C-alpha cells in the first residue's frame, strides 16, 4: 500500500481498497461508504451479515449501533477479530473486502509489527487506529457477496452476474431451469 501513498496528491485524504477475490453486488456500496465517511469522517469498511456457523471463516467486527445514524446498517467499529471461534465472535458482521481508508492508515501501517504470515496486516493497522480514537464505521451490505478465491465461488459469481444482464440473463435463466429439470 505504500505505493498508493506515493500516488496520492496532497489534497487526497482517503484511499479505496477493493480486494479482488470479493465480488459485492449490486454495485454502489462504495458510494454509500463515501457518504458515511463524509458525515462521520475516518475510515469506512464494508460488512456482510453471515450465519453464526460461518464466522470462523472471516474477520468479524465488534460493533455498536450509531445512535443518530439515519441508516441502521451503519455501525461503529470497536474492534475486529480475525477468524474467531463461534463462541468468541463479537457479532456476525464480517469483512467484505471493501475499505475506504483515511490517509492515516499509512502511518498506522508504518507503526505495526508484522502479523500473520510475517506480513503487515491491514486489520492490525485498523485496530491501531481504533485504539487511538480514529473513527471507523462499517456499512452492512445487504446484497450479495461472492468469494472469487475458489472455483465454486467463481462459478456462482459468473452465473449471478450473467443472470443480471439483459444480454445473457433471460436465455441463461431458461437454460438453467431446463438443465436442472433433467
C-alpha atoms as a PDB file:
ATOM      1  CA  UNK A   1       0.000   0.000   0.000  1.00  0.00           C
ATOM      2  CA  UNK A   2       2.959   2.335   0.311  1.00  0.00           C
ATOM      3  CA  UNK A   3       2.911   2.652  -3.489  1.00  0.00           C
ATOM      4  CA  UNK A   4      -0.601   4.033  -3.174  1.00  0.00           C
ATOM      5  CA  UNK A   5       0.507   6.627  -0.642  1.00  0.00           C
ATOM      6  CA  UNK A   6       3.081   7.982  -3.084  1.00  0.00           C
ATOM      7  CA  UNK A   7       0.399   8.253  -5.789  1.00  0.00           C
ATOM      8  CA  UNK A   8      -1.949  10.403  -3.660  1.00  0.00           C
ATOM      9  CA  UNK A   9      -1.931  14.156  -4.145  1.00  0.00           C
ATOM     10  CA  UNK A  10      -1.658  16.357  -1.056  1.00  0.00           C
ATOM     11  CA  UNK A  11      -5.386  17.116  -1.132  1.00  0.00           C
ATOM     12  CA  UNK A  12      -6.423  13.456  -1.362  1.00  0.00           C
ATOM     13  CA  UNK A  13      -7.239  12.183   2.106  1.00  0.00           C
ATOM     14  CA  UNK A  14      -8.567   8.660   1.525  1.00  0.00           C
ATOM     15  CA  UNK A  15      -7.947   5.541  -0.478  1.00  0.00           C
ATOM     16  CA  UNK A  16     -10.361   2.819  -1.549  1.00  0.00           C
ATOM     17  CA  UNK A  17      -9.125  -0.755  -1.267  1.00  0.00           C
ATOM     18  CA  UNK A  18     -11.149  -3.433  -3.068  1.00  0.00           C
ATOM     19  CA  UNK A  19      -9.980  -6.982  -2.529  1.00  0.00           C
ATOM     20  CA  UNK A  20     -10.097  -8.746  -5.902  1.00  0.00           C
ATOM     21  CA  UNK A  21     -11.401 -12.041  -4.521  1.00  0.00           C
ATOM     22  CA  UNK A  22     -14.606 -10.427  -3.184  1.00  0.00           C
ATOM     23  CA  UNK A  23     -17.389  -9.543  -5.603  1.00  0.00           C
ATOM     24  CA  UNK A  24     -20.039  -7.397  -3.921  1.00  0.00           C
ATOM     25  CA  UNK A  25     -23.330  -6.995  -5.788  1.00  0.00           C
ATOM     26  CA  UNK A  26     -25.159  -4.920  -6.604  1.00  0.00           C
ATOM     27  CA  UNK A  27     -22.557  -2.236  -7.121  1.00  0.00           C
ATOM     28  CA  UNK A  28     -22.949   1.013  -5.214  1.00  0.00           C
ATOM     29  CA  UNK A  29     -21.700   0.148  -1.743  1.00  0.00           C
ATOM     30  CA  UNK A  30     -18.643   2.403  -2.196  1.00  0.00           C
ATOM     31  CA  UNK A  31     -20.920   5.394  -2.782  1.00  0.00           C
ATOM     32  CA  UNK A  32     -22.747   4.612   0.462  1.00  0.00           C
ATOM     33  CA  UNK A  33     -19.424   4.232   2.251  1.00  0.00           C
ATOM     34  CA  UNK A  34     -18.294   7.630   0.915  1.00  0.00           C
ATOM     35  CA  UNK A  35     -21.476   9.267   2.238  1.00  0.00           C
ATOM     36  CA  UNK A  36     -20.798   7.767   5.675  1.00  0.00           C
ATOM     37  CA  UNK A  37     -17.183   8.990   5.543  1.00  0.00           C
ATOM     38  CA  UNK A  38     -18.339  12.488   4.567  1.00  0.00           C
ATOM     39  CA  UNK A  39     -20.736  12.574   7.520  1.00  0.00           C
ATOM     40  CA  UNK A  40     -18.637  10.777  10.159  1.00  0.00           C
ATOM     41  CA  UNK A  41     -15.028  11.080   8.989  1.00  0.00           C
ATOM     42  CA  UNK A  42     -12.400   8.435   9.496  1.00  0.00           C
ATOM     43  CA  UNK A  43     -12.420   5.109   7.721  1.00  0.00           C
ATOM     44  CA  UNK A  44     -15.406   3.122   6.494  1.00  0.00           C
ATOM     45  CA  UNK A  45     -15.445  -0.606   5.850  1.00  0.00           C
ATOM     46  CA  UNK A  46     -17.977  -2.914   4.231  1.00  0.00           C
ATOM     47  CA  UNK A  47     -19.519  -5.785   6.179  1.00  0.00           C
ATOM     48  CA  UNK A  48     -21.845  -8.644   5.380  1.00  0.00           C
ATOM     49  CA  UNK A  49     -24.046 -10.410   7.883  1.00  0.00           C
ATOM     50  CA  UNK A  50     -23.046 -14.095   7.834  1.00  0.00           C
ATOM     51  CA  UNK A  51     -24.666 -17.079   9.536  1.00  0.00           C
ATOM     52  CA  UNK A  52     -23.189 -17.648  13.003  1.00  0.00           C
ATOM     53  CA  UNK A  53     -21.784 -21.044  11.998  1.00  0.00           C
ATOM     54  CA  UNK A  54     -19.662 -19.333   9.300  1.00  0.00           C
ATOM     55  CA  UNK A  55     -17.991 -16.595  11.382  1.00  0.00           C
ATOM     56  CA  UNK A  56     -14.777 -18.604  11.802  1.00  0.00           C
ATOM     57  CA  UNK A  57     -14.060 -18.124   8.076  1.00  0.00           C
ATOM     58  CA  UNK A  58     -13.973 -14.305   8.300  1.00  0.00           C
ATOM     59  CA  UNK A  59     -12.612 -11.267  10.029  1.00  0.00           C
ATOM     60  CA  UNK A  60     -15.534 -10.320  12.290  1.00  0.00           C
ATOM     61  CA  UNK A  61     -16.336  -6.825  13.557  1.00  0.00           C
ATOM     62  CA  UNK A  62     -17.085  -5.877  17.139  1.00  0.00           C
ATOM     63  CA  UNK A  63     -19.658  -3.132  16.592  1.00  0.00           C
ATOM     64  CA  UNK A  64     -22.139  -0.853  18.275  1.00  0.00           C
ATOM     65  CA  UNK A  65     -25.161   0.907  16.857  1.00  0.00           C
ATOM     66  CA  UNK A  66     -24.615   4.546  15.967  1.00  0.00           C
ATOM     67  CA  UNK A  67     -27.352   6.329  17.956  1.00  0.00           C
ATOM     68  CA  UNK A  68     -28.058   9.109  15.449  1.00  0.00           C
ATOM     69  CA  UNK A  69     -27.491   7.136  12.256  1.00  0.00           C
ATOM     70  CA  UNK A  70     -30.237   7.583   9.700  1.00  0.00           C
ATOM     71  CA  UNK A  71     -29.215   4.233   8.236  1.00  0.00           C
ATOM     72  CA  UNK A  72     -29.465   1.246  10.645  1.00  0.00           C
ATOM     73  CA  UNK A  73     -26.820  -0.518   8.543  1.00  0.00           C
ATOM     74  CA  UNK A  74     -24.146   1.969   9.676  1.00  0.00           C
ATOM     75  CA  UNK A  75     -22.336   0.696  12.765  1.00  0.00           C
ATOM     76  CA  UNK A  76     -19.372   1.971  14.755  1.00  0.00           C
ATOM     77  CA  UNK A  77     -16.422  -0.433  14.831  1.00  0.00           C
ATOM     78  CA  UNK A  78     -14.955  -1.098  18.268  1.00  0.00           C
ATOM     79  CA  UNK A  79     -12.577  -3.803  17.078  1.00  0.00           C
ATOM     80  CA  UNK A  80     -12.114  -6.788  14.850  1.00  0.00           C
ATOM     81  CA  UNK A  81     -11.378 -10.458  15.474  1.00  0.00           C
ATOM     82  CA  UNK A  82      -9.756 -12.486  12.719  1.00  0.00           C
ATOM     83  CA  UNK A  83     -11.481 -15.841  12.135  1.00  0.00           C
ATOM     84  CA  UNK A  84     -12.891 -16.300  15.653  1.00  0.00           C
ATOM     85  CA  UNK A  85     -14.409 -19.472  17.043  1.00  0.00           C
ATOM     86  CA  UNK A  86     -18.217 -19.274  17.037  1.00  0.00           C
ATOM     87  CA  UNK A  87     -18.323 -18.703  20.802  1.00  0.00           C
ATOM     88  CA  UNK A  88     -15.730 -15.892  20.575  1.00  0.00           C
ATOM     89  CA  UNK A  89     -17.300 -13.948  17.707  1.00  0.00           C
ATOM     90  CA  UNK A  90     -18.379 -10.458  18.804  1.00  0.00           C
ATOM     91  CA  UNK A  91     -21.038 -10.319  16.051  1.00  0.00           C
ATOM     92  CA  UNK A  92     -21.993 -11.900  12.757  1.00  0.00           C
ATOM     93  CA  UNK A  93     -20.795  -8.902  10.741  1.00  0.00           C
ATOM     94  CA  UNK A  94     -17.849  -9.997   8.613  1.00  0.00           C
ATOM     95  CA  UNK A  95     -15.408  -8.044   6.454  1.00  0.00           C
ATOM     96  CA  UNK A  96     -16.437  -7.985   2.793  1.00  0.00           C
ATOM     97  CA  UNK A  97     -13.271  -6.785   1.085  1.00  0.00           C
ATOM     98  CA  UNK A  98     -14.217  -3.130   0.598  1.00  0.00           C
ATOM     99  CA  UNK A  99     -12.322  -0.473   2.566  1.00  0.00           C
ATOM    100  CA  UNK A 100     -12.443   3.319   2.357  1.00  0.00           C
ATOM    101  CA  UNK A 101      -9.423   4.216   4.432  1.00  0.00           C
ATOM    102  CA  UNK A 102      -8.365   7.555   5.796  1.00  0.00           C
ATOM    103  CA  UNK A 103      -4.848   8.584   4.842  1.00  0.00           C
ATOM    104  CA  UNK A 104      -3.885   7.916   8.490  1.00  0.00           C
ATOM    105  CA  UNK A 105      -3.743   4.208   7.562  1.00  0.00           C
ATOM    106  CA  UNK A 106      -0.292   4.694   6.024  1.00  0.00           C
ATOM    107  CA  UNK A 107       1.168   5.972   9.299  1.00  0.00           C
ATOM    108  CA  UNK A 108      -0.517   3.117  11.172  1.00  0.00           C
ATOM    109  CA  UNK A 109       0.986   0.571   8.760  1.00  0.00           C
ATOM    110  CA  UNK A 110       4.439   2.001   9.470  1.00  0.00           C
ATOM    111  CA  UNK A 111       3.895   1.583  13.218  1.00  0.00           C
ATOM    112  CA  UNK A 112       2.637  -2.014  13.430  1.00  0.00           C
ATOM    113  CA  UNK A 113       4.676  -5.187  13.653  1.00  0.00           C
ATOM    114  CA  UNK A 114       4.355  -7.986  11.087  1.00  0.00           C
ATOM    115  CA  UNK A 115       1.477 -10.294  11.952  1.00  0.00           C
ATOM    116  CA  UNK A 116       0.096 -13.437  10.333  1.00  0.00           C
ATOM    117  CA  UNK A 117       2.445 -14.822   7.690  1.00  0.00           C
ATOM    118  CA  UNK A 118       5.146 -12.341   8.707  1.00  0.00           C
ATOM    119  CA  UNK A 119       3.292  -9.617   6.807  1.00  0.00           C
ATOM    120  CA  UNK A 120       1.904  -6.255   7.820  1.00  0.00           C
ATOM    121  CA  UNK A 121      -1.817  -6.860   8.271  1.00  0.00           C
ATOM    122  CA  UNK A 122      -4.335  -4.195   7.301  1.00  0.00           C
ATOM    123  CA  UNK A 123      -6.607  -5.348  10.135  1.00  0.00           C
ATOM    124  CA  UNK A 124      -3.807  -4.700  12.647  1.00  0.00           C
ATOM    125  CA  UNK A 125      -3.343  -1.168  11.298  1.00  0.00           C
ATOM    126  CA  UNK A 126      -7.097  -0.528  11.507  1.00  0.00           C
ATOM    127  CA  UNK A 127      -7.103  -1.870  15.081  1.00  0.00           C
ATOM    128  CA  UNK A 128      -4.312   0.583  15.951  1.00  0.00           C
ATOM    129  CA  UNK A 129      -6.333   3.480  14.531  1.00  0.00           C
ATOM    130  CA  UNK A 130      -9.394   2.406  16.539  1.00  0.00           C
ATOM    131  CA  UNK A 131      -7.315   2.187  19.730  1.00  0.00           C
ATOM    132  CA  UNK A 132      -6.160   5.764  19.123  1.00  0.00           C
ATOM    133  CA  UNK A 133      -9.726   7.060  18.740  1.00  0.00           C
ATOM    134  CA  UNK A 134      -9.787   7.239  14.955  1.00  0.00           C
ATOM    135  CA  UNK A 135     -13.426   6.862  13.824  1.00  0.00           C
ATOM    136  CA  UNK A 136     -14.083   3.602  11.978  1.00  0.00           C
ATOM    137  CA  UNK A 137     -17.533   2.539  10.787  1.00  0.00           C
ATOM    138  CA  UNK A 138     -18.983  -0.282   8.758  1.00  0.00           C
ATOM    139  CA  UNK A 139     -21.749  -0.233   6.225  1.00  0.00           C
ATOM    140  CA  UNK A 140     -23.600  -3.549   6.308  1.00  0.00           C
ATOM    141  CA  UNK A 141     -24.152  -4.579   2.706  1.00  0.00           C
ATOM    142  CA  UNK A 142     -27.468  -6.400   2.269  1.00  0.00           C
ATOM    143  CA  UNK A 143     -26.778  -7.554  -1.283  1.00  0.00           C
ATOM    144  CA  UNK A 144     -24.716 -10.498  -2.438  1.00  0.00           C
ATOM    145  CA  UNK A 145     -21.048 -11.266  -1.879  1.00  0.00           C
ATOM    146  CA  UNK A 146     -19.203 -13.887  -3.868  1.00  0.00           C
ATOM    147  CA  UNK A 147     -15.835 -15.379  -2.916  1.00  0.00           C
ATOM    148  CA  UNK A 148     -13.850 -15.485  -6.143  1.00  0.00           C
ATOM    149  CA  UNK A 149     -10.964 -17.192  -4.369  1.00  0.00           C
ATOM    150  CA  UNK A 150     -12.308 -20.678  -5.054  1.00  0.00           C
ATOM    151  CA  UNK A 151     -13.795 -22.351  -8.149  1.00  0.00           C
ATOM    152  CA  UNK A 152     -17.302 -22.746  -6.683  1.00  0.00           C
ATOM    153  CA  UNK A 153     -17.497 -19.104  -5.679  1.00  0.00           C
ATOM    154  CA  UNK A 154     -16.167 -18.001  -9.041  1.00  0.00           C
ATOM    155  CA  UNK A 155     -18.798 -20.071 -10.875  1.00  0.00           C
ATOM    156  CA  UNK A 156     -21.629 -18.717  -8.697  1.00  0.00           C
ATOM    157  CA  UNK A 157     -20.397 -15.162  -9.309  1.00  0.00           C
ATOM    158  CA  UNK A 158     -20.259 -15.683 -13.080  1.00  0.00           C
ATOM    159  CA  UNK A 159     -23.782 -17.127 -13.157  1.00  0.00           C
ATOM    160  CA  UNK A 160     -25.175 -14.445 -10.838  1.00  0.00           C
ATOM    161  CA  UNK A 161     -23.562 -11.655 -12.860  1.00  0.00           C
ATOM    162  CA  UNK A 162     -24.809 -13.071 -16.152  1.00  0.00           C
ATOM    163  CA  UNK A 163     -28.341 -13.543 -14.821  1.00  0.00           C
ATOM    164  CA  UNK A 164     -28.448  -9.832 -14.003  1.00  0.00           C
ATOM    165  CA  UNK A 165     -27.773  -8.727 -17.592  1.00  0.00           C
ATOM    166  CA  UNK A 166     -30.294  -8.210 -20.358  1.00  0.00           C
ATOM    167  CA  UNK A 167     -27.920  -9.758 -22.878  1.00  0.00           C
ATOM    168  CA  UNK A 168     -27.394 -13.115 -21.146  1.00  0.00           C
ATOM    169  CA  UNK A 169     -29.913 -13.270 -18.305  1.00  0.00           C
ATOM    170  CA  UNK A 170     -33.101 -14.480 -19.999  1.00  0.00           C
ATOM    171  CA  UNK A 171     -31.501 -17.238 -22.082  1.00  0.00           C
ATOM    172  CA  UNK A 172     -29.236 -18.367 -19.232  1.00  0.00           C
ATOM    173  CA  UNK A 173     -32.198 -18.498 -16.828  1.00  0.00           C
ATOM    174  CA  UNK A 174     -34.178 -20.570 -19.327  1.00  0.00           C
ATOM    175  CA  UNK A 175     -31.253 -22.935 -19.887  1.00  0.00           C
ATOM    176  CA  UNK A 176     -30.620 -23.320 -16.131  1.00  0.00           C
ATOM    177  CA  UNK A 177     -34.252 -24.200 -15.423  1.00  0.00           C
ATOM    178  CA  UNK A 178     -34.224 -26.691 -18.276  1.00  0.00           C
ATOM    179  CA  UNK A 179     -30.879 -28.130 -17.171  1.00  0.00           C
ATOM    180  CA  UNK A 180     -31.921 -28.501 -13.539  1.00  0.00           C
ATOM    181  CA  UNK A 181     -35.084 -30.348 -14.517  1.00  0.00           C
ATOM    182  CA  UNK A 182     -33.017 -33.134 -16.136  1.00  0.00           C
END
